[in-house]
Amino acid sequence: VACHGKDGVGLTPDYPNLAGQHEDYIKQALHNYKSGVRK
């Protein structure tokens, strides 16, 4: 919530909006951050 809010809209222009993004894409992005594929 500190960056993406409860409604999925990024709180600053530098943070992504997540509302309505594909569920499987959000999962993939989180896995990539967790594994270090995204730095």
All heavy atoms as atom14 arrays in JSON, in Angstrom:
{
  "sequence": "VACHGKDGVGLTPDYPNLAGQHEDYIKQALHNYKSGVRK",
  "atom14_mask": [
    [1, 1, 1, 1, 1, 1, 1, 0, 0, 0, 0, 0, 0, 0],
    [1, 1, 1, 1, 1, 0, 0, 0, 0, 0, 0, 0, 0, 0],
    [1, 1, 1, 1, 1, 1, 0, 0, 0, 0, 0, 0, 0, 0],
    [1, 1, 1, 1, 1, 1, 1, 1, 1, 1, 0, 0, 0, 0],
    [1, 1, 1, 1, 0, 0, 0, 0, 0, 0, 0, 0, 0, 0],
    [1, 1, 1, 1, 1, 1, 1, 1, 1, 0, 0, 0, 0, 0],
    [1, 1, 1, 1, 1, 1, 1, 1, 0, 0, 0, 0, 0, 0],
    [1, 1, 1, 1, 0, 0, 0, 0, 0, 0, 0, 0, 0, 0],
    [1, 1, 1, 1, 1, 1, 1, 0, 0, 0, 0, 0, 0, 0],
    [1, 1, 1, 1, 0, 0, 0, 0, 0, 0, 0, 0, 0, 0],
    [1, 1, 1, 1, 1, 1, 1, 1, 0, 0, 0, 0, 0, 0],
    [1, 1, 1, 1, 1, 1, 1, 0, 0, 0, 0, 0, 0, 0],
    [1, 1, 1, 1, 1, 1, 1, 0, 0, 0, 0, 0, 0, 0],
    [1, 1, 1, 1, 1, 1, 1, 1, 0, 0, 0, 0, 0, 0],
    [1, 1, 1, 1, 1, 1, 1, 1, 1, 1, 1, 1, 0, 0],
    [1, 1, 1, 1, 1, 1, 1, 0, 0, 0, 0, 0, 0, 0],
    [1, 1, 1, 1, 1, 1, 1, 1, 0, 0, 0, 0, 0, 0],
    [1, 1, 1, 1, 1, 1, 1, 1, 0, 0, 0, 0, 0, 0],
    [1, 1, 1, 1, 1, 0, 0, 0, 0, 0, 0, 0, 0, 0],
    [1, 1, 1, 1, 0, 0, 0, 0, 0, 0, 0, 0, 0, 0],
    [1, 1, 1, 1, 1, 1, 1, 1, 1, 0, 0, 0, 0, 0],
    [1, 1, 1, 1, 1, 1, 1, 1, 1, 1, 0, 0, 0, 0],
    [1, 1, 1, 1, 1, 1, 1, 1, 1, 0, 0, 0, 0, 0],
    [1, 1, 1, 1, 1, 1, 1, 1, 0, 0, 0, 0, 0, 0],
    [1, 1, 1, 1, 1, 1, 1, 1, 1, 1, 1, 1, 0, 0],
    [1, 1, 1, 1, 1, 1, 1, 1, 0, 0, 0, 0, 0, 0],
    [1, 1, 1, 1, 1, 1, 1, 1, 1, 0, 0, 0, 0, 0],
    [1, 1, 1, 1, 1, 1, 1, 1, 1, 0, 0, 0, 0, 0],
    [1, 1, 1, 1, 1, 0, 0, 0, 0, 0, 0, 0, 0, 0],
    [1, 1, 1, 1, 1, 1, 1, 1, 0, 0, 0, 0, 0, 0],
    [1, 1, 1, 1, 1, 1, 1, 1, 1, 1, 0, 0, 0, 0],
    [1, 1, 1, 1, 1, 1, 1, 1, 0, 0, 0, 0, 0, 0],
    [1, 1, 1, 1, 1, 1, 1, 1, 1, 1, 1, 1, 0, 0],
    [1, 1, 1, 1, 1, 1, 1, 1, 1, 0, 0, 0, 0, 0],
    [1, 1, 1, 1, 1, 1, 0, 0, 0, 0, 0, 0, 0, 0],
    [1, 1, 1, 1, 0, 0, 0, 0, 0, 0, 0, 0, 0, 0],
    [1, 1, 1, 1, 1, 1, 1, 0, 0, 0, 0, 0, 0, 0],
    [1, 1, 1, 1, 1, 1, 1, 1, 1, 1, 1, 0, 0, 0],
    [1, 1, 1, 1, 1, 1, 1, 1, 1, 0, 0, 0, 0, 0]
  ],
  "atom14_positions": [
    [[0.81, -1.21, 0.0], [0.0, 0.0, 0.0], [0.85, 1.26, 0.0], [0.43, 2.3, -0.51], [-0.97, -0.02, 1.21], [-0.22, 0.12, 2.51], [-2.02, 1.08, 1.1], [0.0, 0.0, 0.0], [0.0, 0.0, 0.0], [0.0, 0.0, 0.0], [0.0, 0.0, 0.0], [0.0, 0.0, 0.0], [0.0, 0.0, 0.0], [0.0, 0.0, 0.0]],
    [[2.06, 1.19, 0.53], [2.93, 2.37, 0.62], [3.31, 2.91, -0.75], [3.6, 4.11, -0.88], [4.19, 2.04, 1.41], [0.0, 0.0, 0.0], [0.0, 0.0, 0.0], [0.0, 0.0, 0.0], [0.0, 0.0, 0.0], [0.0, 0.0, 0.0], [0.0, 0.0, 0.0], [0.0, 0.0, 0.0], [0.0, 0.0, 0.0], [0.0, 0.0, 0.0]],
    [[3.31, 2.06, -1.77], [3.68, 2.48, -3.12], [2.55, 2.33, -4.13], [2.41, 3.16, -5.03], [4.88, 1.67, -3.61], [6.36, 1.86, -2.6], [0.0, 0.0, 0.0], [0.0, 0.0, 0.0], [0.0, 0.0, 0.0], [0.0, 0.0, 0.0], [0.0, 0.0, 0.0], [0.0, 0.0, 0.0], [0.0, 0.0, 0.0], [0.0, 0.0, 0.0]],
    [[1.76, 1.27, -3.98], [0.75, 0.95, -4.98], [-0.68, 1.19, -4.52], [-1.61, 1.0, -5.31], [0.9, -0.52, -5.42], [2.26, -0.84, -5.94], [2.74, -0.36, -7.13], [3.27, -1.58, -5.41], [3.97, -0.8, -7.32], [4.32, -1.54, -6.29], [0.0, 0.0, 0.0], [0.0, 0.0, 0.0], [0.0, 0.0, 0.0], [0.0, 0.0, 0.0]],
    [[-0.86, 1.6, -3.26], [-2.2, 1.86, -2.75], [-3.04, 0.61, -2.64], [-2.66, -0.47, -3.11], [0.0, 0.0, 0.0], [0.0, 0.0, 0.0], [0.0, 0.0, 0.0], [0.0, 0.0, 0.0], [0.0, 0.0, 0.0], [0.0, 0.0, 0.0], [0.0, 0.0, 0.0], [0.0, 0.0, 0.0], [0.0, 0.0, 0.0], [0.0, 0.0, 0.0]],
    [[-4.2, 0.74, -2.03], [-5.12, -0.4, -1.96], [-5.85, -0.61, -3.28], [-6.32, -1.71, -3.57], [-6.14, -0.19, -0.84], [-5.58, -0.38, 0.56], [-6.68, -0.31, 1.6], [-6.12, -0.53, 3.01], [-7.19, -0.45, 4.04], [0.0, 0.0, 0.0], [0.0, 0.0, 0.0], [0.0, 0.0, 0.0], [0.0, 0.0, 0.0], [0.0, 0.0, 0.0]],
    [[-5.96, 0.46, -4.09], [-6.69, 0.35, -5.35], [-5.79, 0.02, -6.53], [-6.23, -0.05, -7.68], [-7.47, 1.63, -5.64], [-6.58, 2.88, -5.71], [-5.35, 2.74, -5.55], [-7.12, 3.98, -5.94], [0.0, 0.0, 0.0], [0.0, 0.0, 0.0], [0.0, 0.0, 0.0], [0.0, 0.0, 0.0], [0.0, 0.0, 0.0], [0.0, 0.0, 0.0]],
    [[-4.48, -0.17, -6.27], [-3.56, -0.56, -7.34], [-3.07, 0.57, -8.21], [-2.5, 0.32, -9.28], [0.0, 0.0, 0.0], [0.0, 0.0, 0.0], [0.0, 0.0, 0.0], [0.0, 0.0, 0.0], [0.0, 0.0, 0.0], [0.0, 0.0, 0.0], [0.0, 0.0, 0.0], [0.0, 0.0, 0.0], [0.0, 0.0, 0.0], [0.0, 0.0, 0.0]],
    [[-3.27, 1.81, -7.77], [-2.78, 2.96, -8.52], [-1.53, 3.49, -7.82], [-1.57, 3.84, -6.64], [-3.84, 4.07, -8.62], [-3.28, 5.3, -9.34], [-5.07, 3.55, -9.36], [0.0, 0.0, 0.0], [0.0, 0.0, 0.0], [0.0, 0.0, 0.0], [0.0, 0.0, 0.0], [0.0, 0.0, 0.0], [0.0, 0.0, 0.0], [0.0, 0.0, 0.0]],
    [[-0.41, 3.53, -8.55], [0.86, 3.97, -7.97], [0.75, 5.36, -7.37], [0.17, 6.27, -7.98], [0.0, 0.0, 0.0], [0.0, 0.0, 0.0], [0.0, 0.0, 0.0], [0.0, 0.0, 0.0], [0.0, 0.0, 0.0], [0.0, 0.0, 0.0], [0.0, 0.0, 0.0], [0.0, 0.0, 0.0], [0.0, 0.0, 0.0], [0.0, 0.0, 0.0]],
    [[1.33, 5.55, -6.19], [1.17, 6.81, -5.46], [2.04, 7.93, -6.0], [1.81, 9.1, -5.68], [1.45, 6.59, -3.97], [0.55, 5.58, -3.26], [0.81, 5.61, -1.76], [-0.92, 5.85, -3.54], [0.0, 0.0, 0.0], [0.0, 0.0, 0.0], [0.0, 0.0, 0.0], [0.0, 0.0, 0.0], [0.0, 0.0, 0.0], [0.0, 0.0, 0.0]],
    [[3.05, 7.61, -6.8], [3.85, 8.63, -7.48], [3.95, 8.2, -8.95], [3.72, 7.03, -9.28], [5.27, 8.77, -6.89], [6.1, 7.72, -7.4], [5.25, 8.74, -5.37], [0.0, 0.0, 0.0], [0.0, 0.0, 0.0], [0.0, 0.0, 0.0], [0.0, 0.0, 0.0], [0.0, 0.0, 0.0], [0.0, 0.0, 0.0], [0.0, 0.0, 0.0]],
    [[4.33, 9.14, -9.84], [4.45, 8.78, -11.26], [5.53, 7.74, -11.53], [5.57, 7.17, -12.63], [4.82, 10.12, -11.92], [4.32, 11.16, -10.99], [4.51, 10.59, -9.62], [0.0, 0.0, 0.0], [0.0, 0.0, 0.0], [0.0, 0.0, 0.0], [0.0, 0.0, 0.0], [0.0, 0.0, 0.0], [0.0, 0.0, 0.0], [0.0, 0.0, 0.0]],
    [[6.4, 7.49, -10.56], [7.49, 6.54, -10.77], [7.13, 5.11, -10.4], [7.9, 4.19, -10.68], [8.71, 6.98, -9.95], [9.17, 8.36, -10.35], [9.84, 8.49, -11.39], [8.84, 9.33, -9.64], [0.0, 0.0, 0.0], [0.0, 0.0, 0.0], [0.0, 0.0, 0.0], [0.0, 0.0, 0.0], [0.0, 0.0, 0.0], [0.0, 0.0, 0.0]],
    [[5.99, 4.92, -9.76], [5.56, 3.58, -9.36], [4.45, 3.08, -10.29], [3.56, 3.85, -10.66], [5.08, 3.56, -7.91], [6.22, 3.65, -6.92], [6.38, 4.77, -6.12], [7.14, 2.61, -6.81], [7.45, 4.85, -5.23], [8.2, 2.69, -5.92], [8.34, 3.81, -5.14], [9.4, 3.9, -4.27], [0.0, 0.0, 0.0], [0.0, 0.0, 0.0]],
    [[4.48, 1.8, -10.66], [3.51, 1.3, -11.62], [2.11, 1.17, -11.06], [1.91, 0.88, -9.88], [4.06, -0.1, -11.98], [4.83, -0.51, -10.77], [5.46, 0.76, -10.25], [0.0, 0.0, 0.0], [0.0, 0.0, 0.0], [0.0, 0.0, 0.0], [0.0, 0.0, 0.0], [0.0, 0.0, 0.0], [0.0, 0.0, 0.0], [0.0, 0.0, 0.0]],
    [[1.15, 1.41, -11.94], [-0.23, 1.06, -11.63], [-0.39, -0.45, -11.83], [0.09, -1.0, -12.82], [-1.2, 1.8, -12.57], [-1.14, 3.3, -12.39], [-0.98, 3.78, -11.26], [-1.29, 4.04, -13.46], [0.0, 0.0, 0.0], [0.0, 0.0, 0.0], [0.0, 0.0, 0.0], [0.0, 0.0, 0.0], [0.0, 0.0, 0.0], [0.0, 0.0, 0.0]],
    [[-1.05, -1.1, -10.88], [-1.25, -2.55, -10.94], [-2.71, -2.93, -11.19], [-2.99, -4.09, -11.49], [-0.79, -3.19, -9.62], [0.66, -2.95, -9.21], [0.95, -3.66, -7.89], [1.63, -3.42, -10.29], [0.0, 0.0, 0.0], [0.0, 0.0, 0.0], [0.0, 0.0, 0.0], [0.0, 0.0, 0.0], [0.0, 0.0, 0.0], [0.0, 0.0, 0.0]],
    [[-3.61, -1.98, -11.05], [-5.04, -2.28, -11.15], [-5.39, -2.86, -12.52], [-5.14, -2.24, -13.55], [-5.86, -1.01, -10.91], [0.0, 0.0, 0.0], [0.0, 0.0, 0.0], [0.0, 0.0, 0.0], [0.0, 0.0, 0.0], [0.0, 0.0, 0.0], [0.0, 0.0, 0.0], [0.0, 0.0, 0.0], [0.0, 0.0, 0.0], [0.0, 0.0, 0.0]],
    [[-5.94, -4.06, -12.51], [-6.36, -4.7, -13.75], [-5.23, -5.28, -14.58], [-5.48, -5.77, -15.69], [0.0, 0.0, 0.0], [0.0, 0.0, 0.0], [0.0, 0.0, 0.0], [0.0, 0.0, 0.0], [0.0, 0.0, 0.0], [0.0, 0.0, 0.0], [0.0, 0.0, 0.0], [0.0, 0.0, 0.0], [0.0, 0.0, 0.0], [0.0, 0.0, 0.0]],
    [[-4.0, -5.24, -14.07], [-2.9, -5.88, -14.79], [-3.12, -7.39, -14.78], [-3.76, -7.93, -13.88], [-1.56, -5.56, -14.12], [-0.33, -6.03, -14.86], [-0.24, -5.49, -16.27], [-0.8, -6.11, -17.2], [0.41, -4.34, -16.43], [0.0, 0.0, 0.0], [0.0, 0.0, 0.0], [0.0, 0.0, 0.0], [0.0, 0.0, 0.0], [0.0, 0.0, 0.0]],
    [[-2.62, -8.08, -15.78], [-2.8, -9.54, -15.86], [-2.27, -10.21, -14.59], [-1.15, -9.93, -14.15], [-2.07, -10.12, -17.06], [-2.65, -9.72, -18.39], [-3.91, -10.11, -18.78], [-2.14, -8.97, -19.39], [-4.14, -9.62, -20.0], [-3.1, -8.93, -20.39], [0.0, 0.0, 0.0], [0.0, 0.0, 0.0], [0.0, 0.0, 0.0], [0.0, 0.0, 0.0]],
    [[-3.06, -11.1, -14.03], [-2.68, -11.79, -12.8], [-1.37, -12.55, -12.99], [-0.48, -12.5, -12.13], [-3.8, -12.74, -12.37], [-3.53, -13.48, -11.08], [-4.72, -14.33, -10.63], [-5.82, -14.17, -11.19], [-4.53, -15.17, -9.73], [0.0, 0.0, 0.0], [0.0, 0.0, 0.0], [0.0, 0.0, 0.0], [0.0, 0.0, 0.0], [0.0, 0.0, 0.0]],
    [[-1.24, -13.27, -14.1], [-0.03, -14.07, -14.3], [1.19, -13.2, -14.55], [2.32, -13.58, -14.21], [-0.22, -15.1, -15.42], [-0.53, -14.47, -16.77], [-0.97, -13.3, -16.82], [-0.36, -15.17, -17.8], [0.0, 0.0, 0.0], [0.0, 0.0, 0.0], [0.0, 0.0, 0.0], [0.0, 0.0, 0.0], [0.0, 0.0, 0.0], [0.0, 0.0, 0.0]],
    [[1.0, -11.99, -15.1], [2.12, -11.09, -15.29], [2.63, -10.56, -13.94], [3.84, -10.47, -13.72], [1.75, -9.92, -16.19], [2.88, -8.93, -16.33], [3.96, -9.2, -17.16], [2.88, -7.75, -15.6], [5.03, -8.31, -17.26], [3.95, -6.85, -15.69], [5.01, -7.14, -16.52], [6.07, -6.27, -16.6], [0.0, 0.0, 0.0], [0.0, 0.0, 0.0]],
    [[1.71, -10.2, -13.04], [2.11, -9.73, -11.71], [2.9, -10.84, -10.99], [3.93, -10.58, -10.37], [0.9, -9.3, -10.88], [0.22, -8.09, -11.54], [1.32, -8.94, -9.46], [-1.07, -7.66, -10.86], [0.0, 0.0, 0.0], [0.0, 0.0, 0.0], [0.0, 0.0, 0.0], [0.0, 0.0, 0.0], [0.0, 0.0, 0.0], [0.0, 0.0, 0.0]],
    [[2.41, -12.07, -11.09], [3.14, -13.2, -10.48], [4.55, -13.31, -11.05], [5.52, -13.47, -10.31], [2.38, -14.51, -10.72], [1.1, -14.68, -9.96], [0.49, -16.04, -10.3], [-0.85, -16.24, -9.64], [-1.44, -17.56, -9.99], [0.0, 0.0, 0.0], [0.0, 0.0, 0.0], [0.0, 0.0, 0.0], [0.0, 0.0, 0.0], [0.0, 0.0, 0.0]],
    [[4.66, -13.25, -12.38], [5.95, -13.38, -13.02], [6.9, -12.27, -12.58], [8.09, -12.52, -12.3], [5.79, -13.36, -14.54], [7.08, -13.58, -15.33], [7.62, -14.99, -15.16], [6.86, -15.94, -15.0], [8.94, -15.13, -15.19], [0.0, 0.0, 0.0], [0.0, 0.0, 0.0], [0.0, 0.0, 0.0], [0.0, 0.0, 0.0], [0.0, 0.0, 0.0]],
    [[6.39, -11.04, -12.51], [7.23, -9.92, -12.1], [7.74, -10.11, -10.67], [8.93, -9.88, -10.38], [6.44, -8.61, -12.21], [0.0, 0.0, 0.0], [0.0, 0.0, 0.0], [0.0, 0.0, 0.0], [0.0, 0.0, 0.0], [0.0, 0.0, 0.0], [0.0, 0.0, 0.0], [0.0, 0.0, 0.0], [0.0, 0.0, 0.0], [0.0, 0.0, 0.0]],
    [[6.87, -10.54, -9.76], [7.28, -10.76, -8.37], [8.3, -11.88, -8.27], [9.28, -11.79, -7.52], [6.06, -11.05, -7.5], [5.14, -9.85, -7.24], [3.86, -10.29, -6.53], [5.86, -8.8, -6.41], [0.0, 0.0, 0.0], [0.0, 0.0, 0.0], [0.0, 0.0, 0.0], [0.0, 0.0, 0.0], [0.0, 0.0, 0.0], [0.0, 0.0, 0.0]],
    [[8.09, -12.96, -9.02], [9.08, -14.04, -9.03], [10.43, -13.54, -9.56], [11.49, -13.93, -9.05], [8.59, -15.2, -9.9], [7.58, -16.06, -9.23], [6.4, -16.43, -9.85], [7.54, -16.64, -8.0], [5.7, -17.2, -9.02], [6.37, -17.32, -7.89], [0.0, 0.0, 0.0], [0.0, 0.0, 0.0], [0.0, 0.0, 0.0], [0.0, 0.0, 0.0]],
    [[10.39, -12.68, -10.58], [11.64, -12.16, -11.14], [12.38, -11.25, -10.18], [13.61, -11.25, -10.13], [11.35, -11.42, -12.46], [11.06, -12.35, -13.61], [11.23, -13.57, -13.51], [10.6, -11.8, -14.72], [0.0, 0.0, 0.0], [0.0, 0.0, 0.0], [0.0, 0.0, 0.0], [0.0, 0.0, 0.0], [0.0, 0.0, 0.0], [0.0, 0.0, 0.0]],
    [[11.63, -10.45, -9.41], [12.28, -9.63, -8.38], [12.85, -10.52, -7.28], [13.96, -10.28, -6.78], [11.29, -8.64, -7.78], [10.96, -7.46, -8.67], [9.65, -7.18, -9.04], [11.97, -6.6, -9.12], [9.35, -6.09, -9.85], [11.67, -5.52, -9.93], [10.36, -5.26, -10.29], [10.06, -4.19, -11.09], [0.0, 0.0, 0.0], [0.0, 0.0, 0.0]],
    [[12.12, -11.53, -6.93], [12.56, -12.44, -5.85], [13.82, -13.2, -6.25], [14.74, -13.4, -5.43], [11.42, -13.43, -5.52], [11.67, -14.32, -4.3], [10.44, -15.2, -4.05], [10.68, -16.15, -2.89], [10.61, -15.48, -1.58], [0.0, 0.0, 0.0], [0.0, 0.0, 0.0], [0.0, 0.0, 0.0], [0.0, 0.0, 0.0], [0.0, 0.0, 0.0]],
    [[13.9, -13.61, -7.52], [15.03, -14.41, -7.99], [16.23, -13.57, -8.44], [17.33, -14.08, -8.62], [14.61, -15.29, -9.17], [14.3, -14.5, -10.31], [0.0, 0.0, 0.0], [0.0, 0.0, 0.0], [0.0, 0.0, 0.0], [0.0, 0.0, 0.0], [0.0, 0.0, 0.0], [0.0, 0.0, 0.0], [0.0, 0.0, 0.0], [0.0, 0.0, 0.0]],
    [[16.0, -12.26, -8.63], [17.08, -11.39, -9.09], [17.13, -11.2, -10.59], [18.01, -10.51, -11.1], [0.0, 0.0, 0.0], [0.0, 0.0, 0.0], [0.0, 0.0, 0.0], [0.0, 0.0, 0.0], [0.0, 0.0, 0.0], [0.0, 0.0, 0.0], [0.0, 0.0, 0.0], [0.0, 0.0, 0.0], [0.0, 0.0, 0.0], [0.0, 0.0, 0.0]],
    [[16.18, -11.81, -11.34], [16.12, -11.58, -12.79], [15.86, -10.11, -13.07], [16.41, -9.53, -14.0], [15.03, -12.47, -13.43], [14.82, -12.11, -14.9], [15.44, -13.94, -13.31], [0.0, 0.0, 0.0], [0.0, 0.0, 0.0], [0.0, 0.0, 0.0], [0.0, 0.0, 0.0], [0.0, 0.0, 0.0], [0.0, 0.0, 0.0], [0.0, 0.0, 0.0]],
    [[14.99, -9.51, -12.25], [14.82, -8.05, -12.27], [15.6, -7.49, -11.09], [15.44, -7.97, -9.97], [13.34, -7.66, -12.13], [12.51, -7.88, -13.37], [11.18, -7.18, -13.22], [10.3, -7.41, -14.35], [9.14, -6.79, -14.54], [8.73, -5.89, -13.66], [8.39, -7.05, -15.59], [0.0, 0.0, 0.0], [0.0, 0.0, 0.0], [0.0, 0.0, 0.0]],
    [[16.39, -6.46, -11.35], [17.26, -5.89, -10.32], [16.71, -4.53, -9.91], [16.84, -3.56, -10.66], [18.68, -5.8, -10.84], [19.29, -7.15, -11.2], [20.64, -7.01, -11.86], [21.23, -8.39, -12.17], [20.42, -9.16, -13.11], [0.0, 0.0, 0.0], [0.0, 0.0, 0.0], [0.0, 0.0, 0.0], [0.0, 0.0, 0.0], [0.0, 0.0, 0.0]]
  ]
}
